[in-house]
Amino acid sequence: MNEPISLRVYEIVGNEFCVASDDGQKVFDQIAKALREDKKIKLSFANIESLTSAFLNTAIGQLYGSFQNDQIKNNLEISDMEQDDMMLLKRVVDTAKEYFKDPDRFEKLNKEAMEDSDVS
């Protein structure tokens, strides 16, 4: 069996701040390439100081629109992530799974929620 590909977020992004979706796209592209090649990935968040949901939505969340949950679960291992960031990642993944299950319904509910908040 092949050794997992080791991806270091710090090296991909170029600094310790993972806040922009553009940087998340760089990480997504690397993960997606490896998944398409049916490789296992170890994704390290070592040396990352700041992490946002925008970054994680792009880097990890959008994987659920392109790949099956089992493929992601079996081939992507996250390491060196702070506990608070792990909780944020879990929320991002849960939301992404819901969204990609039925994007139209999700968009409709989101639009309704926005309209309701505009009324007040």
C-alpha atoms as a PDB file:
ATOM      1  CA  MET A   1       0.000   0.000   0.000  1.00  0.00           C
ATOM      2  CA  ASN A   2       1.241   3.499  -0.837  1.00  0.00           C
ATOM      3  CA  GLU A   3       2.380   5.923   1.822  1.00  0.00           C
ATOM      4  CA  PRO A   4      -0.037   8.800   2.425  1.00  0.00           C
ATOM      5  CA  ILE A   5       0.749  12.118   0.799  1.00  0.00           C
ATOM      6  CA  SER A   6       1.749  14.619   3.449  1.00  0.00           C
ATOM      7  CA  LEU A   7       0.315  18.103   2.902  1.00  0.00           C
ATOM      8  CA  ARG A   8       1.261  20.951   5.217  1.00  0.00           C
ATOM      9  CA  VAL A   9      -1.237  23.795   5.184  1.00  0.00           C
ATOM     10  CA  TYR A  10       1.443  26.244   6.335  1.00  0.00           C
ATOM     11  CA  GLU A  11       3.560  25.456   3.272  1.00  0.00           C
ATOM     12  CA  ILE A  12       0.620  25.617   0.851  1.00  0.00           C
ATOM     13  CA  VAL A  13      -0.675  28.938   2.190  1.00  0.00           C
ATOM     14  CA  GLY A  14       2.750  30.423   2.869  1.00  0.00           C
ATOM     15  CA  ASN A  15       2.020  31.752   6.348  1.00  0.00           C
ATOM     16  CA  GLU A  16       0.262  30.950   9.627  1.00  0.00           C
ATOM     17  CA  PHE A  17      -2.981  32.769   8.793  1.00  0.00           C
ATOM     18  CA  CYS A  18      -5.644  30.619   7.139  1.00  0.00           C
ATOM     19  CA  VAL A  19      -8.398  33.161   6.813  1.00  0.00           C
ATOM     20  CA  ALA A  20      -9.036  33.768   3.097  1.00  0.00           C
ATOM     21  CA  SER A  21     -11.063  31.515   0.847  1.00  0.00           C
ATOM     22  CA  ASP A  22      -8.420  32.040  -1.892  1.00  0.00           C
ATOM     23  CA  ASP A  23      -5.902  30.276   0.341  1.00  0.00           C
ATOM     24  CA  GLY A  24      -8.471  27.602   1.111  1.00  0.00           C
ATOM     25  CA  GLN A  25      -8.808  27.002  -2.628  1.00  0.00           C
ATOM     26  CA  LYS A  26      -5.072  26.233  -2.841  1.00  0.00           C
ATOM     27  CA  VAL A  27      -5.482  23.581  -0.144  1.00  0.00           C
ATOM     28  CA  PHE A  28      -8.658  22.197  -1.760  1.00  0.00           C
ATOM     29  CA  ASP A  29      -6.889  21.861  -5.127  1.00  0.00           C
ATOM     30  CA  GLN A  30      -4.082  19.790  -3.571  1.00  0.00           C
ATOM     31  CA  ILE A  31      -6.476  17.539  -1.636  1.00  0.00           C
ATOM     32  CA  ALA A  32      -8.823  17.080  -4.605  1.00  0.00           C
ATOM     33  CA  LYS A  33      -5.926  16.116  -6.897  1.00  0.00           C
ATOM     34  CA  ALA A  34      -4.804  13.430  -4.447  1.00  0.00           C
ATOM     35  CA  LEU A  35      -8.355  12.127  -3.942  1.00  0.00           C
ATOM     36  CA  ARG A  36      -8.893  11.895  -7.716  1.00  0.00           C
ATOM     37  CA  GLU A  37      -5.744   9.770  -7.826  1.00  0.00           C
ATOM     38  CA  ASP A  38      -7.214   7.649  -5.000  1.00  0.00           C
ATOM     39  CA  LYS A  39      -4.369   8.522  -2.638  1.00  0.00           C
ATOM     40  CA  LYS A  40      -4.463   8.925   1.110  1.00  0.00           C
ATOM     41  CA  ILE A  41      -3.686  12.371   2.499  1.00  0.00           C
ATOM     42  CA  LYS A  42      -2.306  13.519   5.844  1.00  0.00           C
ATOM     43  CA  LEU A  43      -3.213  17.189   6.157  1.00  0.00           C
ATOM     44  CA  SER A  44      -1.171  18.959   8.818  1.00  0.00           C
ATOM     45  CA  PHE A  45      -2.217  22.244  10.424  1.00  0.00           C
ATOM     46  CA  ALA A  46       1.095  22.603  12.297  1.00  0.00           C
ATOM     47  CA  ASN A  47       2.179  26.235  12.810  1.00  0.00           C
ATOM     48  CA  ILE A  48      -1.253  27.615  11.902  1.00  0.00           C
ATOM     49  CA  GLU A  49      -2.188  30.445  14.249  1.00  0.00           C
ATOM     50  CA  SER A  50      -5.495  31.658  12.818  1.00  0.00           C
ATOM     51  CA  LEU A  51      -8.197  29.672  11.058  1.00  0.00           C
ATOM     52  CA  THR A  52     -11.604  30.832   9.793  1.00  0.00           C
ATOM     53  CA  SER A  53     -14.727  29.060   8.627  1.00  0.00           C
ATOM     54  CA  ALA A  54     -14.368  30.799   5.214  1.00  0.00           C
ATOM     55  CA  PHE A  55     -10.988  29.110   4.771  1.00  0.00           C
ATOM     56  CA  LEU A  56     -12.259  25.711   5.975  1.00  0.00           C
ATOM     57  CA  ASN A  57     -15.419  25.903   3.849  1.00  0.00           C
ATOM     58  CA  THR A  58     -13.282  26.308   0.756  1.00  0.00           C
ATOM     59  CA  ALA A  59     -10.433  23.970   1.729  1.00  0.00           C
ATOM     60  CA  ILE A  60     -12.475  21.112   3.200  1.00  0.00           C
ATOM     61  CA  GLY A  61     -16.207  21.824   2.924  1.00  0.00           C
ATOM     62  CA  GLN A  62     -16.349  21.932  -0.852  1.00  0.00           C
ATOM     63  CA  LEU A  63     -14.771  18.457  -1.030  1.00  0.00           C
ATOM     64  CA  TYR A  64     -18.235  17.108  -0.175  1.00  0.00           C
ATOM     65  CA  GLY A  65     -19.572  18.518  -3.443  1.00  0.00           C
ATOM     66  CA  SER A  66     -17.015  16.604  -5.506  1.00  0.00           C
ATOM     67  CA  PHE A  67     -16.343  13.394  -3.584  1.00  0.00           C
ATOM     68  CA  GLN A  68     -18.322  10.810  -1.654  1.00  0.00           C
ATOM     69  CA  ASN A  69     -18.313  11.093   2.139  1.00  0.00           C
ATOM     70  CA  ASP A  70     -16.715   7.644   2.505  1.00  0.00           C
ATOM     71  CA  GLN A  71     -13.886   8.522   0.131  1.00  0.00           C
ATOM     72  CA  ILE A  72     -13.094  11.662   2.135  1.00  0.00           C
ATOM     73  CA  LYS A  73     -13.437   9.890   5.476  1.00  0.00           C
ATOM     74  CA  ASN A  74     -11.219   6.974   4.434  1.00  0.00           C
ATOM     75  CA  ASN A  75      -8.527   8.988   2.654  1.00  0.00           C
ATOM     76  CA  LEU A  76      -8.176  12.300   4.489  1.00  0.00           C
ATOM     77  CA  GLU A  77      -6.533  12.503   7.893  1.00  0.00           C
ATOM     78  CA  ILE A  78      -6.319  15.832   9.717  1.00  0.00           C
ATOM     79  CA  SER A  79      -3.478  16.389  12.177  1.00  0.00           C
ATOM     80  CA  ASP A  80      -1.905  19.102  14.325  1.00  0.00           C
ATOM     81  CA  MET A  81      -5.144  21.038  14.752  1.00  0.00           C
ATOM     82  CA  GLU A  82      -6.159  22.833  17.953  1.00  0.00           C
ATOM     83  CA  GLN A  83      -9.285  21.542  19.720  1.00  0.00           C
ATOM     84  CA  ASP A  84     -11.274  24.751  19.040  1.00  0.00           C
ATOM     85  CA  ASP A  85     -10.373  24.525  15.374  1.00  0.00           C
ATOM     86  CA  MET A  86     -11.441  20.853  15.294  1.00  0.00           C
ATOM     87  CA  MET A  87     -14.869  21.914  16.556  1.00  0.00           C
ATOM     88  CA  LEU A  88     -15.041  24.579  13.835  1.00  0.00           C
ATOM     89  CA  LEU A  89     -14.029  21.996  11.231  1.00  0.00           C
ATOM     90  CA  LYS A  90     -16.775  19.646  12.435  1.00  0.00           C
ATOM     91  CA  ARG A  91     -19.383  22.413  12.012  1.00  0.00           C
ATOM     92  CA  VAL A  92     -18.052  23.196   8.529  1.00  0.00           C
ATOM     93  CA  VAL A  93     -18.165  19.524   7.514  1.00  0.00           C
ATOM     94  CA  ASP A  94     -21.663  18.994   8.952  1.00  0.00           C
ATOM     95  CA  THR A  95     -22.947  22.075   7.118  1.00  0.00           C
ATOM     96  CA  ALA A  96     -21.255  21.038   3.867  1.00  0.00           C
ATOM     97  CA  LYS A  97     -22.807  17.566   4.039  1.00  0.00           C
ATOM     98  CA  GLU A  98     -26.266  19.092   4.559  1.00  0.00           C
ATOM     99  CA  TYR A  99     -25.746  21.615   1.793  1.00  0.00           C
ATOM    100  CA  PHE A 100     -24.519  19.139  -0.820  1.00  0.00           C
ATOM    101  CA  LYS A 101     -27.294  16.693   0.058  1.00  0.00           C
ATOM    102  CA  ASP A 102     -29.833  19.222  -1.303  1.00  0.00           C
ATOM    103  CA  PRO A 103     -28.260  22.546  -2.399  1.00  0.00           C
ATOM    104  CA  ASP A 104     -31.531  24.012  -3.721  1.00  0.00           C
ATOM    105  CA  ARG A 105     -33.356  23.422  -0.446  1.00  0.00           C
ATOM    106  CA  PHE A 106     -30.425  24.839   1.536  1.00  0.00           C
ATOM    107  CA  GLU A 107     -30.302  27.980  -0.642  1.00  0.00           C
ATOM    108  CA  LYS A 108     -34.069  28.453  -0.300  1.00  0.00           C
ATOM    109  CA  LEU A 109     -33.926  28.162   3.502  1.00  0.00           C
ATOM    110  CA  ASN A 110     -30.979  30.549   3.639  1.00  0.00           C
ATOM    111  CA  LYS A 111     -32.797  33.078   1.450  1.00  0.00           C
ATOM    112  CA  GLU A 112     -35.903  32.849   3.649  1.00  0.00           C
ATOM    113  CA  ALA A 113     -33.791  33.364   6.764  1.00  0.00           C
ATOM    114  CA  MET A 114     -32.188  36.447   5.230  1.00  0.00           C
ATOM    115  CA  GLU A 115     -35.583  37.869   4.239  1.00  0.00           C
ATOM    116  CA  ASP A 116     -36.910  37.301   7.756  1.00  0.00           C
ATOM    117  CA  SER A 117     -33.956  39.162   9.242  1.00  0.00           C
ATOM    118  CA  ASP A 118     -34.519  42.106   6.854  1.00  0.00           C
ATOM    119  CA  VAL A 119     -38.079  42.586   8.163  1.00  0.00           C
ATOM    120  CA  SER A 120     -37.055  43.546  11.700  1.00  0.00           C
END
